[in-house]
N, C-alpha and C. Protein backbone atom coordinates (compact mmCIF):
# COMPACT_ATOMS: atom_id res chain seq x y z
N MET A 1 72.00 121.37 69.50
CA MET A 1 72.62 122.36 70.43
C MET A 1 73.58 121.62 71.32
N ASP A 2 74.79 122.18 71.50
CA ASP A 2 75.81 121.58 72.42
C ASP A 2 75.97 122.41 73.68
N ASP A 3 76.32 121.73 74.75
CA ASP A 3 76.58 122.38 76.04
C ASP A 3 78.08 122.52 76.22
N LEU A 4 78.63 123.72 76.10
CA LEU A 4 80.06 123.87 76.14
C LEU A 4 80.62 123.47 77.51
N THR A 5 79.91 123.73 78.59
CA THR A 5 80.39 123.36 79.92
C THR A 5 80.57 121.86 80.01
N ALA A 6 79.57 121.09 79.54
CA ALA A 6 79.60 119.66 79.57
C ALA A 6 80.74 119.15 78.64
N LEU A 7 80.88 119.74 77.41
CA LEU A 7 81.94 119.29 76.51
C LEU A 7 83.28 119.55 77.12
N ALA A 8 83.56 120.69 77.76
CA ALA A 8 84.80 121.04 78.37
C ALA A 8 85.11 120.02 79.51
N ARG A 9 84.11 119.69 80.34
CA ARG A 9 84.29 118.82 81.41
C ARG A 9 84.69 117.43 80.91
N HIS A 10 83.94 116.98 79.88
CA HIS A 10 84.18 115.62 79.25
C HIS A 10 85.60 115.57 78.66
N GLN A 11 86.02 116.60 77.95
CA GLN A 11 87.33 116.61 77.31
C GLN A 11 88.45 116.67 78.39
N LEU A 12 88.21 117.43 79.47
CA LEU A 12 89.22 117.45 80.55
C LEU A 12 89.34 116.06 81.17
N ASP A 13 88.21 115.32 81.39
CA ASP A 13 88.31 113.96 81.91
C ASP A 13 89.11 113.11 80.93
N ASP A 14 88.87 113.21 79.62
CA ASP A 14 89.59 112.44 78.65
C ASP A 14 91.10 112.79 78.63
N ALA A 15 91.43 114.11 78.80
CA ALA A 15 92.81 114.54 78.78
C ALA A 15 93.50 113.96 80.04
N ARG A 16 92.84 113.97 81.19
CA ARG A 16 93.43 113.44 82.40
C ARG A 16 93.71 111.96 82.32
N ALA A 17 92.89 111.22 81.48
CA ALA A 17 93.09 109.78 81.31
C ALA A 17 94.07 109.44 80.21
N SER A 18 94.45 110.47 79.37
CA SER A 18 95.35 110.27 78.27
C SER A 18 96.84 110.31 78.71
N ALA A 19 97.65 109.48 78.12
CA ALA A 19 99.07 109.53 78.42
C ALA A 19 99.73 110.81 77.97
N HIS A 20 99.13 111.50 77.00
CA HIS A 20 99.70 112.71 76.42
C HIS A 20 99.11 113.94 77.12
N GLY A 21 98.07 113.79 77.96
CA GLY A 21 97.48 114.90 78.69
C GLY A 21 96.68 115.85 77.82
N ARG A 22 96.09 115.34 76.74
CA ARG A 22 95.34 116.25 75.94
C ARG A 22 94.21 115.46 75.24
N SER A 23 93.13 116.17 74.91
CA SER A 23 92.01 115.60 74.21
C SER A 23 91.32 116.71 73.43
N ALA A 24 90.67 116.35 72.30
CA ALA A 24 90.02 117.36 71.49
C ALA A 24 88.76 116.74 70.88
N HIS A 25 87.76 117.52 70.66
CA HIS A 25 86.52 117.09 70.09
C HIS A 25 85.96 118.19 69.12
N LEU A 26 85.92 117.86 67.86
CA LEU A 26 85.34 118.75 66.86
C LEU A 26 83.83 118.54 66.92
N PHE A 27 83.12 119.57 67.35
CA PHE A 27 81.69 119.36 67.56
C PHE A 27 80.81 120.18 66.61
N LEU A 28 81.39 121.07 65.88
CA LEU A 28 80.67 121.78 64.84
C LEU A 28 81.50 121.90 63.56
N HIS A 29 80.92 121.48 62.47
CA HIS A 29 81.62 121.48 61.19
C HIS A 29 80.58 121.96 60.16
N ASP A 30 80.70 123.17 59.80
CA ASP A 30 79.73 123.79 58.86
C ASP A 30 80.48 124.52 57.74
N GLY A 31 80.64 123.83 56.60
CA GLY A 31 81.45 124.47 55.52
C GLY A 31 82.87 124.68 56.05
N PRO A 32 83.36 125.92 55.92
CA PRO A 32 84.73 126.20 56.32
C PRO A 32 84.83 126.52 57.88
N LEU A 33 83.70 126.53 58.56
CA LEU A 33 83.70 126.82 59.98
C LEU A 33 83.89 125.56 60.82
N ARG A 34 84.81 125.59 61.78
CA ARG A 34 85.07 124.46 62.68
C ARG A 34 85.09 125.00 64.08
N GLN A 35 84.45 124.30 65.03
CA GLN A 35 84.52 124.59 66.44
C GLN A 35 85.01 123.37 67.16
N THR A 36 86.01 123.47 67.98
CA THR A 36 86.62 122.34 68.62
C THR A 36 86.88 122.67 70.06
N VAL A 37 86.49 121.79 70.97
CA VAL A 37 86.90 121.92 72.39
C VAL A 37 88.18 121.14 72.58
N ILE A 38 89.22 121.79 73.10
CA ILE A 38 90.52 121.14 73.30
C ILE A 38 90.81 121.21 74.79
N ALA A 39 91.23 120.11 75.41
CA ALA A 39 91.57 120.10 76.82
C ALA A 39 92.99 119.65 76.95
N LEU A 40 93.72 120.32 77.90
CA LEU A 40 95.10 119.96 78.19
C LEU A 40 95.31 119.99 79.67
N THR A 41 96.02 118.97 80.17
CA THR A 41 96.35 118.95 81.58
C THR A 41 97.52 119.85 81.87
N SER A 42 97.67 120.28 83.04
CA SER A 42 98.73 121.25 83.45
C SER A 42 100.12 120.75 82.95
N GLY A 43 100.81 121.58 82.24
CA GLY A 43 102.09 121.27 81.71
C GLY A 43 102.09 120.62 80.30
N SER A 44 100.93 120.20 79.86
CA SER A 44 100.77 119.68 78.51
C SER A 44 100.75 120.81 77.49
N SER A 45 101.02 120.44 76.23
CA SER A 45 101.06 121.47 75.20
C SER A 45 100.67 120.94 73.86
N LEU A 46 100.38 121.86 72.99
CA LEU A 46 100.32 121.60 71.53
C LEU A 46 101.53 122.23 70.94
N ASP A 47 102.24 121.44 70.20
CA ASP A 47 103.43 121.94 69.54
C ASP A 47 103.15 123.08 68.57
N GLU A 48 104.21 123.81 68.24
CA GLU A 48 104.04 124.93 67.25
C GLU A 48 103.43 124.42 66.00
N HIS A 49 102.45 125.22 65.48
CA HIS A 49 101.77 124.89 64.26
C HIS A 49 101.31 126.12 63.49
N ASN A 50 100.93 125.98 62.27
CA ASN A 50 100.43 127.16 61.50
C ASN A 50 99.03 127.50 61.87
N ALA A 51 98.66 128.73 61.62
CA ALA A 51 97.29 129.23 61.96
C ALA A 51 96.40 129.09 60.73
N PRO A 52 95.10 128.83 60.97
CA PRO A 52 94.17 128.88 59.81
C PRO A 52 93.97 130.32 59.37
N PRO A 53 93.30 130.52 58.27
CA PRO A 53 93.08 131.90 57.79
C PRO A 53 92.43 132.83 58.84
N ALA A 54 91.54 132.34 59.64
CA ALA A 54 90.90 133.12 60.68
C ALA A 54 90.53 132.24 61.84
N ALA A 55 90.76 132.67 63.08
CA ALA A 55 90.43 131.83 64.22
C ALA A 55 90.44 132.62 65.50
N SER A 56 89.67 132.11 66.47
CA SER A 56 89.70 132.70 67.81
C SER A 56 89.80 131.58 68.85
N LEU A 57 90.34 131.94 70.01
CA LEU A 57 90.53 130.97 71.09
C LEU A 57 89.82 131.60 72.34
N GLN A 58 88.93 130.77 72.91
CA GLN A 58 88.26 131.19 74.15
C GLN A 58 88.57 130.20 75.24
N VAL A 59 89.02 130.72 76.34
CA VAL A 59 89.39 129.82 77.46
C VAL A 59 88.11 129.53 78.27
N LEU A 60 87.71 128.31 78.30
CA LEU A 60 86.48 127.85 79.02
C LEU A 60 86.82 127.52 80.45
N HIS A 61 87.99 126.98 80.74
CA HIS A 61 88.41 126.59 82.06
C HIS A 61 89.91 126.64 82.16
N GLY A 62 90.42 127.15 83.28
CA GLY A 62 91.85 127.11 83.53
C GLY A 62 92.62 128.35 82.99
N ARG A 63 93.89 128.03 82.63
CA ARG A 63 94.82 129.12 82.26
C ARG A 63 95.81 128.57 81.29
N VAL A 64 95.97 129.26 80.13
CA VAL A 64 96.85 128.77 79.06
C VAL A 64 97.81 129.86 78.63
N ARG A 65 98.84 129.42 77.92
CA ARG A 65 99.78 130.36 77.32
C ARG A 65 99.87 130.10 75.81
N VAL A 66 99.58 131.11 74.99
CA VAL A 66 99.79 131.03 73.56
C VAL A 66 101.23 131.39 73.36
N THR A 67 102.04 130.45 72.80
CA THR A 67 103.43 130.73 72.59
C THR A 67 103.68 131.14 71.11
N LYS A 68 104.45 132.20 70.92
CA LYS A 68 104.78 132.64 69.57
C LYS A 68 106.01 133.46 69.62
N LYS A 69 106.59 133.55 68.44
CA LYS A 69 107.90 134.26 68.29
C LYS A 69 107.77 135.74 68.69
N SER A 70 106.63 136.40 68.43
CA SER A 70 106.50 137.81 68.70
C SER A 70 106.15 138.05 70.22
N GLY A 71 106.05 137.03 70.95
CA GLY A 71 105.82 137.23 72.41
C GLY A 71 104.60 136.36 72.89
N ASP A 72 104.81 135.69 73.96
CA ASP A 72 103.79 134.82 74.55
C ASP A 72 102.66 135.66 75.11
N GLN A 73 101.48 135.00 75.18
CA GLN A 73 100.32 135.65 75.74
C GLN A 73 99.60 134.66 76.65
N ASP A 74 99.39 135.05 77.89
CA ASP A 74 98.64 134.20 78.85
C ASP A 74 97.19 134.60 78.79
N MET A 75 96.31 133.58 78.91
CA MET A 75 94.85 133.79 78.89
C MET A 75 94.22 133.00 80.03
N ILE A 76 93.17 133.54 80.65
CA ILE A 76 92.46 132.82 81.72
C ILE A 76 91.02 132.59 81.32
N ALA A 77 90.33 131.74 82.10
CA ALA A 77 88.93 131.44 81.78
C ALA A 77 88.11 132.67 81.67
N GLY A 78 87.29 132.66 80.62
CA GLY A 78 86.48 133.82 80.29
C GLY A 78 87.00 134.75 79.23
N GLN A 79 88.31 134.61 78.97
CA GLN A 79 88.90 135.48 77.93
C GLN A 79 88.80 134.85 76.55
N VAL A 80 88.71 135.69 75.60
CA VAL A 80 88.70 135.23 74.20
C VAL A 80 89.53 136.22 73.37
N GLY A 81 90.25 135.64 72.33
CA GLY A 81 91.10 136.54 71.56
C GLY A 81 91.40 135.79 70.20
N PRO A 82 91.94 136.57 69.29
CA PRO A 82 92.33 136.01 67.99
C PRO A 82 93.49 135.09 68.07
N VAL A 83 93.48 134.08 67.23
CA VAL A 83 94.66 133.21 67.13
C VAL A 83 95.68 133.98 66.28
N PRO A 84 96.95 133.98 66.73
CA PRO A 84 97.96 134.70 65.99
C PRO A 84 98.12 134.25 64.55
N HIS A 85 98.38 135.16 63.62
CA HIS A 85 98.63 134.81 62.23
C HIS A 85 100.14 134.50 62.03
N GLU A 86 100.69 133.71 62.88
CA GLU A 86 102.05 133.23 62.79
C GLU A 86 102.09 131.84 63.44
N ARG A 87 103.18 131.16 63.21
CA ARG A 87 103.33 129.83 63.88
C ARG A 87 103.20 130.08 65.43
N HIS A 88 102.50 129.18 66.07
CA HIS A 88 102.26 129.33 67.50
C HIS A 88 102.00 127.96 68.13
N GLY A 89 102.06 127.90 69.45
CA GLY A 89 101.76 126.75 70.24
C GLY A 89 100.81 127.09 71.36
N LEU A 90 100.42 126.08 72.11
CA LEU A 90 99.51 126.32 73.25
C LEU A 90 99.99 125.46 74.40
N GLU A 91 100.16 126.07 75.57
CA GLU A 91 100.65 125.39 76.76
C GLU A 91 99.64 125.60 77.89
N ALA A 92 99.27 124.53 78.62
CA ALA A 92 98.39 124.59 79.71
C ALA A 92 99.21 124.94 80.99
N LEU A 93 98.88 126.05 81.61
CA LEU A 93 99.54 126.40 82.85
C LEU A 93 98.85 125.79 84.05
N GLU A 94 97.65 125.27 83.84
CA GLU A 94 96.88 124.47 84.78
C GLU A 94 95.91 123.61 83.94
N ASP A 95 95.24 122.70 84.48
CA ASP A 95 94.27 121.91 83.70
C ASP A 95 93.32 122.94 83.01
N SER A 96 93.16 122.81 81.69
CA SER A 96 92.47 123.81 80.92
C SER A 96 91.66 123.25 79.80
N ALA A 97 90.58 123.95 79.42
CA ALA A 97 89.79 123.65 78.21
C ALA A 97 89.58 124.90 77.43
N VAL A 98 89.72 124.85 76.18
CA VAL A 98 89.57 126.01 75.29
C VAL A 98 88.64 125.71 74.16
N LEU A 99 87.98 126.71 73.67
CA LEU A 99 87.14 126.60 72.43
C LEU A 99 87.88 127.26 71.27
N LEU A 100 88.28 126.46 70.32
CA LEU A 100 88.90 126.93 69.09
C LEU A 100 87.84 127.08 68.00
N THR A 101 87.62 128.28 67.52
CA THR A 101 86.72 128.57 66.39
C THR A 101 87.65 128.94 65.23
N ALA A 102 87.51 128.15 64.16
CA ALA A 102 88.42 128.38 63.02
C ALA A 102 87.62 128.36 61.71
N VAL A 103 88.09 129.29 60.81
CA VAL A 103 87.68 129.28 59.43
C VAL A 103 88.79 128.69 58.65
N THR A 104 88.57 127.59 57.98
CA THR A 104 89.61 126.85 57.30
C THR A 104 89.93 127.33 55.90
N GLU A 105 89.03 128.09 55.30
CA GLU A 105 89.33 128.61 53.98
C GLU A 105 88.57 129.92 53.81
N VAL A 106 89.15 130.81 53.01
CA VAL A 106 88.50 132.06 52.71
C VAL A 106 88.32 132.08 51.23
N ARG A 107 87.07 132.15 50.82
CA ARG A 107 86.70 132.14 49.34
C ARG A 107 86.87 133.51 48.77
N ALA A 108 87.49 133.59 47.58
CA ALA A 108 87.66 134.82 46.88
C ALA A 108 86.30 135.31 46.37
N THR A 109 86.05 136.58 46.46
CA THR A 109 84.82 137.13 45.96
C THR A 109 85.07 137.77 44.61
N ASN A 110 84.12 137.60 43.65
CA ASN A 110 84.23 138.22 42.38
C ASN A 110 83.66 139.67 42.45
N ARG A 111 84.35 140.58 41.96
CA ARG A 111 83.87 141.97 42.05
C ARG A 111 83.69 142.50 40.66
């Protein structure tokens, strides 16, 4: 069992010590399911990237902006939402930690 509050605090400390202002820790890997705590210092970002087949983002601490062509979306601590199914980025509007839950593959079902 993992403590999300402790993981977020630890990743924020690591991000503050990093020259790039970010840190991530994959703490759950179960088949196609991945859960990662990502921390970004204020003004730091993750460049635009593709989305996995299914994912959600929960803000554990701080305030972030999901950047995407169809319109940016700000999120604050306590909010959770789907990761857009388009190229997107993530920007920290203040020191922040998020929980990324992703499904990396979707298996076809035989009918």
